[in-house]
Protein backbone atom coordinates (compact mmCIF):
# COMPACT_ATOMS: atom_id res chain seq x y z
CA MET A 1 87.71 42.67 -23.82
CA SER A 2 87.59 40.98 -26.76
CA GLU A 3 85.18 42.02 -29.67
CA PRO A 4 82.47 39.59 -30.28
CA THR A 5 82.82 37.72 -33.75
CA LEU A 6 80.31 36.83 -36.29
CA PRO A 7 79.24 33.38 -37.18
CA GLU A 8 80.63 31.99 -40.23
CA ASP A 9 77.86 31.91 -42.16
CA LEU A 10 76.24 35.17 -41.40
CA ASN A 11 77.80 38.00 -42.94
CA ALA A 12 77.79 41.86 -41.30
CA GLY A 13 74.87 43.48 -43.37
CA MET A 14 72.47 40.20 -42.90
CA ILE A 15 73.05 40.15 -39.15
CA ALA A 16 72.60 43.84 -39.08
CA ALA A 17 69.40 44.02 -40.61
CA LEU A 18 68.29 40.58 -38.29
CA ALA A 19 69.39 42.39 -35.50
CA LYS A 20 67.25 45.01 -36.49
CA LEU A 21 64.14 42.84 -36.84
CA ILE A 22 64.54 41.09 -33.73
CA GLY A 23 65.03 44.44 -31.70
CA SER A 24 61.47 45.97 -33.31
CA ILE A 25 59.84 42.66 -31.77
CA THR A 26 61.25 42.66 -28.61
CA GLY A 27 61.49 46.81 -28.36
CA LEU A 28 65.23 46.64 -27.64
CA VAL A 29 67.72 48.61 -29.31
CA ALA A 30 69.41 46.41 -31.94
CA PRO A 31 73.25 47.01 -31.21
CA PRO A 32 75.76 47.62 -34.47
CA ALA A 33 76.40 44.57 -36.58
CA ASN A 34 80.20 44.54 -35.11
CA ALA A 35 78.90 44.85 -31.68
CA PHE A 36 75.86 43.12 -30.79
CA PRO A 37 75.99 40.44 -27.74
CA PRO A 38 77.08 37.13 -28.02
CA GLU A 39 73.95 35.75 -26.48
CA TRP A 40 72.42 36.63 -30.04
CA HIS A 41 74.68 34.91 -32.11
CA ALA A 42 72.49 31.80 -31.76
CA ALA A 43 68.78 33.32 -32.15
CA LEU A 44 70.21 35.09 -35.06
CA SER A 45 72.06 31.99 -37.07
CA ASP A 46 68.65 29.97 -36.08
CA PHE A 47 66.41 32.58 -37.55
CA TYR A 48 68.78 33.20 -40.68
CA ARG A 49 68.75 29.95 -41.05
CA THR A 50 64.73 29.04 -41.00
CA ALA A 51 64.34 32.44 -43.38
CA SER A 52 66.54 30.95 -46.12
CA GLU A 53 64.51 27.34 -46.02
CA ILE A 54 61.70 29.55 -46.03
CA ALA A 55 62.94 32.08 -49.23
CA ALA A 56 64.33 28.49 -50.71
CA GLU A 57 61.36 26.68 -50.27
CA ASN A 58 58.91 29.99 -51.93
CA LEU A 59 60.95 30.11 -54.88
CA ALA A 60 60.96 26.61 -56.00
CA SER A 61 57.33 26.48 -55.36
CA LYS A 62 56.98 29.46 -57.90
CA ALA A 63 59.43 28.09 -60.17
CA ALA A 64 57.88 24.40 -60.86
CA PRO A 65 54.68 23.65 -62.32
CA THR A 66 51.34 23.53 -60.33
CA ALA A 67 50.46 19.74 -60.13
CA VAL A 68 46.82 19.21 -61.39
CA ALA A 69 44.91 15.80 -60.80
CA PHE A 70 44.28 14.12 -63.24
CA ASP A 71 40.76 12.89 -64.11
CA MET A 72 40.89 9.39 -65.77
CA LEU A 73 37.16 10.05 -66.49
CA ALA A 74 37.12 12.69 -68.11
CA HIS A 75 40.36 11.65 -69.99
CA LEU A 76 38.85 8.67 -71.20
CA GLN A 77 35.60 10.54 -72.57
CA ARG A 78 37.76 12.64 -74.01
CA GLN A 79 40.00 9.98 -75.65
CA ARG A 80 36.73 8.60 -77.18
CA VAL A 81 35.70 11.72 -78.85
CA PHE A 82 38.88 12.05 -80.54
CA SER A 83 39.13 8.09 -81.37
CA GLU A 84 35.44 8.14 -82.78
CA ARG A 85 35.87 10.95 -84.92
CA THR A 86 39.72 10.03 -85.93
CA PHE A 87 39.31 6.11 -86.27
CA GLY A 88 35.98 5.86 -87.06
CA PRO A 89 32.90 4.36 -84.10
CA GLY A 90 32.70 0.44 -83.64
CA LYS A 91 34.85 -2.14 -81.92
CA ARG A 92 37.84 -2.17 -84.57
CA THR A 93 39.38 -4.41 -82.62
CA LYS A 94 42.08 -5.97 -85.82
CA MET A 95 42.60 -2.60 -86.15
CA VAL A 96 43.46 -1.56 -82.52
CA ALA A 97 45.51 -4.75 -82.19
CA ASP A 98 47.83 -3.68 -85.00
CA HIS A 99 48.04 -0.74 -84.05
CA ILE A 100 49.57 -1.68 -80.77
CA ARG A 101 51.95 -4.30 -82.45
CA LYS A 102 53.63 -1.85 -84.32
CA GLU A 103 53.98 0.39 -81.70
CA LEU A 104 55.56 -2.30 -79.56
CA ASP A 105 58.39 -2.46 -82.38
CA GLU A 106 58.92 1.07 -81.44
CA VAL A 107 59.13 0.39 -77.77
CA GLU A 108 61.53 -2.27 -78.59
CA GLU A 109 63.44 0.43 -80.54
CA ASN A 110 63.19 3.08 -77.93
CA PRO A 111 62.55 1.62 -74.48
CA SER A 112 63.66 4.66 -73.14
CA ASP A 113 61.15 7.09 -75.21
CA LEU A 114 58.40 8.05 -72.85
CA ALA A 115 55.99 8.70 -75.84
CA GLU A 116 56.11 5.04 -76.81
CA TRP A 117 55.08 3.53 -73.62
CA VAL A 118 52.33 5.98 -73.70
CA ASP A 119 51.28 5.31 -77.40
CA VAL A 120 50.18 1.69 -76.11
CA ILE A 121 48.82 2.81 -72.76
CA LEU A 122 46.27 4.86 -74.81
CA LEU A 123 45.96 2.30 -77.96
CA ALA A 124 44.84 -0.19 -75.01
CA LEU A 125 42.41 2.53 -73.59
CA ASP A 126 40.80 2.61 -76.69
CA GLY A 127 40.26 -0.85 -77.16
CA ALA A 128 38.45 -0.80 -73.48
CA TRP A 129 36.23 1.54 -74.29
CA ARG A 130 35.49 0.03 -77.61
CA SER A 131 34.49 -3.07 -76.04
CA GLY A 132 31.62 -1.27 -74.53
CA ALA A 133 32.99 -0.67 -71.43
CA SER A 134 32.21 2.91 -69.54
CA PRO A 135 34.70 4.86 -68.77
CA ALA A 136 33.99 4.02 -64.63
CA GLN A 137 34.09 0.32 -65.68
CA ILE A 138 37.51 0.76 -67.20
CA VAL A 139 38.67 2.63 -64.06
CA ALA A 140 37.03 -0.03 -62.09
CA GLY A 141 38.91 -2.80 -64.04
CA ILE A 142 42.12 -1.45 -63.85
CA GLU A 143 41.94 -1.36 -60.03
CA ALA A 144 40.19 -4.88 -59.29
CA LYS A 145 43.26 -6.46 -61.69
CA GLN A 146 45.92 -4.88 -60.02
CA THR A 147 44.39 -6.08 -56.77
CA LYS A 148 44.19 -9.50 -58.61
CA ASN A 149 47.62 -9.54 -59.91
CA GLU A 150 48.72 -8.48 -56.41
CA GLY A 151 46.98 -11.11 -54.56
CA ARG A 152 49.05 -14.08 -56.70
CA THR A 153 51.60 -15.86 -56.76
CA TRP A 154 54.52 -14.66 -58.70
CA PRO A 155 57.76 -17.27 -59.73
CA ASP A 156 61.24 -15.18 -58.15
CA TRP A 157 61.78 -12.12 -60.87
CA GLN A 158 65.36 -13.32 -60.13
CA THR A 159 65.67 -16.89 -61.54
CA ALA A 160 63.35 -15.50 -64.64
CA ASP A 161 64.50 -14.91 -68.42
CA PRO A 162 64.72 -11.34 -68.39
CA ASN A 163 63.71 -11.35 -72.06
CA LYS A 164 60.76 -13.13 -71.37
CA ALA A 165 57.01 -12.86 -69.70
CA ILE A 166 56.89 -13.68 -65.92
CA GLU A 167 53.33 -15.47 -65.53
CA HIS A 168 51.66 -16.31 -62.09
CA ASN A 169 51.12 -19.60 -61.11
CA ARG A 170 47.99 -20.61 -62.94
CA ALA A 171 47.60 -23.69 -60.97
CA LEU A 172 46.66 -21.31 -57.96
CA ASP A 173 44.23 -19.47 -59.75
CA GLU A 174 41.67 -21.97 -59.93
CA THR A 175 39.70 -23.44 -57.13
CA PRO A 176 38.66 -27.09 -57.92
CA ILE A 177 35.23 -27.91 -59.14
CA SER A 178 33.08 -29.74 -56.55
CA ILE A 179 31.32 -32.30 -58.27
CA PRO A 180 27.99 -33.43 -56.03
CA GLN A 181 28.09 -37.41 -55.42
CA THR A 182 24.51 -37.39 -56.30
CA ALA A 183 25.30 -35.92 -59.79
CA THR A 184 24.36 -38.26 -62.81
CA ASP A 185 27.25 -39.57 -65.02
CA ALA A 186 26.37 -36.91 -67.63
CA ALA A 187 26.40 -34.07 -65.31
CA ARG A 188 29.82 -35.36 -63.72
CA ASP A 189 31.75 -35.54 -67.13
CA VAL A 190 30.62 -32.20 -67.86
CA LEU A 191 32.04 -30.69 -64.87
CA ALA A 192 34.73 -32.92 -64.95
CA GLU A 193 35.66 -31.56 -68.38
CA ARG A 194 35.42 -28.19 -67.79
CA GLN A 195 38.12 -28.69 -64.90
CA ARG A 196 40.26 -30.38 -67.68
CA GLN A 197 39.81 -27.28 -69.40
CA VAL A 198 40.94 -25.11 -66.82
CA SER A 199 44.02 -27.18 -65.52
CA VAL A 200 44.78 -29.12 -68.52
CA GLU A 201 44.41 -26.24 -71.58
CA GLY A 202 44.94 -23.20 -69.44
CA TRP A 203 41.30 -22.09 -70.06
CA THR A 204 41.09 -20.06 -66.54
CA VAL A 205 38.99 -17.14 -65.42
CA ASP A 206 41.15 -14.63 -67.09
CA HIS A 207 41.10 -16.28 -70.52
CA ASP A 208 37.78 -16.76 -70.68
CA ASP A 209 36.92 -13.01 -69.80
CA GLU A 210 39.00 -12.06 -72.67
CA LEU A 211 36.67 -14.29 -75.11
CA ASP A 212 33.91 -11.64 -74.91
CA GLY A 213 32.30 -11.85 -78.48
CA GLY A 214 30.90 -15.17 -78.35
CA GLU A 215 33.80 -17.30 -79.06
CA ILE A 216 32.92 -19.86 -76.09
CA ALA A 217 29.20 -20.33 -77.30
CA ALA A 218 30.35 -20.52 -80.98
CA ALA A 219 32.61 -23.11 -79.86
CA ALA A 220 30.07 -25.39 -77.61
CA ALA A 221 27.52 -24.66 -80.83
CA ALA A 222 29.98 -26.50 -83.26
CA TYR A 223 30.84 -29.60 -80.96
CA ALA A 224 26.97 -29.84 -80.68
CA LEU A 225 26.22 -29.84 -83.98
CA CYS A 226 29.10 -31.71 -84.90
CA ALA A 227 27.10 -34.57 -82.45
CA ALA A 228 23.85 -33.81 -83.90
CA ASP A 229 25.28 -34.15 -87.24
CA ASN A 230 26.68 -37.84 -86.25
CA LEU A 231 23.51 -38.96 -84.69
CA HIS A 232 20.59 -37.65 -86.72
CA PRO A 233 20.98 -38.10 -90.90
CA GLN A 234 18.77 -35.05 -90.93
CA SER A 235 20.66 -32.70 -88.64
CA ASN A 236 21.52 -28.83 -89.67
CA GLY A 237 25.17 -30.16 -90.19
CA ASP A 238 26.64 -30.72 -93.30
CA GLY A 239 28.67 -33.73 -92.36
CA ASP A 240 32.16 -34.72 -92.08
CA TYR A 241 33.13 -32.73 -89.29
CA ALA A 242 34.58 -35.69 -87.32
CA ASP A 243 37.08 -36.01 -90.32
CA GLY A 244 39.20 -32.72 -89.08
CA THR A 245 37.14 -30.28 -90.36
CA PRO A 246 35.24 -27.88 -88.01
CA PRO A 247 31.77 -26.40 -88.54
CA ASP A 248 31.90 -22.43 -90.13
CA MET A 249 31.02 -21.24 -86.27
CA TRP A 250 34.13 -22.68 -85.18
CA PRO A 251 35.87 -19.59 -83.89
CA TRP A 252 39.75 -20.70 -83.60
CA HIS A 253 42.16 -22.53 -86.09
CA GLU A 254 41.19 -26.06 -87.18
CA ASP A 255 44.00 -27.17 -84.84
CA TRP A 256 42.01 -27.00 -82.23
CA TRP A 257 39.38 -28.91 -83.43
CA LYS A 258 38.84 -32.06 -81.84
CA PRO A 259 36.12 -34.32 -82.38
CA ALA A 260 35.50 -37.57 -80.52
CA THR A 261 32.45 -39.58 -80.29
CA PRO A 262 28.81 -37.61 -80.27
CA ARG A 263 28.84 -38.25 -76.11
CA ARG A 264 31.95 -36.72 -75.77
CA ASP A 265 31.41 -33.77 -78.06
CA LEU A 266 28.26 -33.11 -75.95
CA VAL A 267 30.43 -33.62 -73.22
CA LYS A 268 32.65 -30.79 -74.27
CA ALA A 269 30.16 -28.71 -75.95
CA GLY A 270 28.20 -28.63 -72.47
CA ALA A 271 31.90 -27.76 -70.24
CA LEU A 272 32.04 -24.81 -72.75
CA ILE A 273 28.05 -23.44 -72.44
CA LEU A 274 28.90 -23.67 -68.65
CA ALA A 275 32.20 -21.46 -69.38
CA GLU A 276 29.93 -19.01 -71.35
CA ILE A 277 27.31 -18.47 -69.10
CA GLU A 278 29.70 -18.33 -65.83
CA ARG A 279 31.90 -15.68 -68.03
CA LEU A 280 28.74 -13.99 -68.69
CA ASP A 281 28.01 -14.00 -65.16
CA ARG A 282 31.29 -12.34 -64.06
CA ALA A 283 30.62 -9.44 -66.91
CA SER A 284 26.93 -8.69 -65.50
CA ILE A 285 28.60 -8.80 -62.04
CA ALA A 286 31.17 -6.26 -62.88
CA GLY A 287 28.68 -3.69 -64.77
CA CYS A 288 27.95 -4.92 -68.19
CA ARG A 289 24.73 -6.15 -69.11
CA PHE A 290 23.85 -8.98 -71.37
CA GLU A 291 20.21 -9.43 -72.05
């Protein structure tokens, strides 16, 4: 009778220990490692492999650090305390934007450095809470924006310039404004101008939502003042707005100042007022209160 052989992945010491263990469980007397029945081979091999896998998993779990769930709300509160103490309170928009630009330069120099990207993330979050948003609003805003981006139509990245921003199709963002047939000519012109601002000038909902410092209202006031100054010499304006110099409240570069006739300027003002009211309504729905 030929002597049984051990499977290649088992050694005599291990097989003897496993055989003894199985023997104690089953109540049978385990034979010596070099003389156990061949029918034990498969069971011992399976047992050995399973025990090895469990041991390897246990070692890996002990070696790897325990993952801790990241609490975004707690982080934002912690970051605000640090930032106010270090950089001061208030919006400080220009300071944050300037810092972001500097960090972006460092990102371009070291695009594989995670720390540089994290700097940009932290600064963006800093600007977010300084805008007046609460931690919960910031988290909700991040989630809502991601969902919105996923629902947009994007060009094929394979045909785009890898060094340029890939922008979604803005023409599909906005629902055309419906103008009631019973509207007056003035109302129709204001609504049509609002639609033109969206489709031609690119003043989309996203664009308007970024202008949360009263810029749209100030622009509307500037066009209304220009019209008033032309219509009535005793208005609060100081004249000559139609010549290319905008009123002091004009929030943007003067190249964007495009006065026309008093009626046309009032139409522009009306469309901008409508845009600002819609922005305030959206901000209110998002959780911000403007009263």
